[in-house]
């Protein structure tokens, strides 16, 4: 059961991979929301041309209470980097690590 905005519950099937692909292609969450690892995330930031060094890729940031995910979309890959503030991790360090890895992936042709 999924809690709706009006606090009612609705039964729905969530396919996380399909939702992630929708978000990567449309730069917004699918109608059922963006679910990753059983957690619902709200997309708060997108950039169609996020640039790191000489490389450019799509960037999406999504948040949940005290955690979040930075997402990079290259021409053939979707890369997700998660952080959890309760484990001492930060959004900034997460995005920095994601950007470095995505920059390398793009430079290698992915």
Foldseek 3Di string as FASTA:
>chain_A
DDQDPVRDDDDDDDDQVVQLVCCQVPVAGDPSAHDDPNDGWHWDDWDQFDDDDNDTWIWIWTDDVQKIWIWTDEPPDIDIFIDGVVVVDDPVVRVVVVVVVVVVVVVVPD
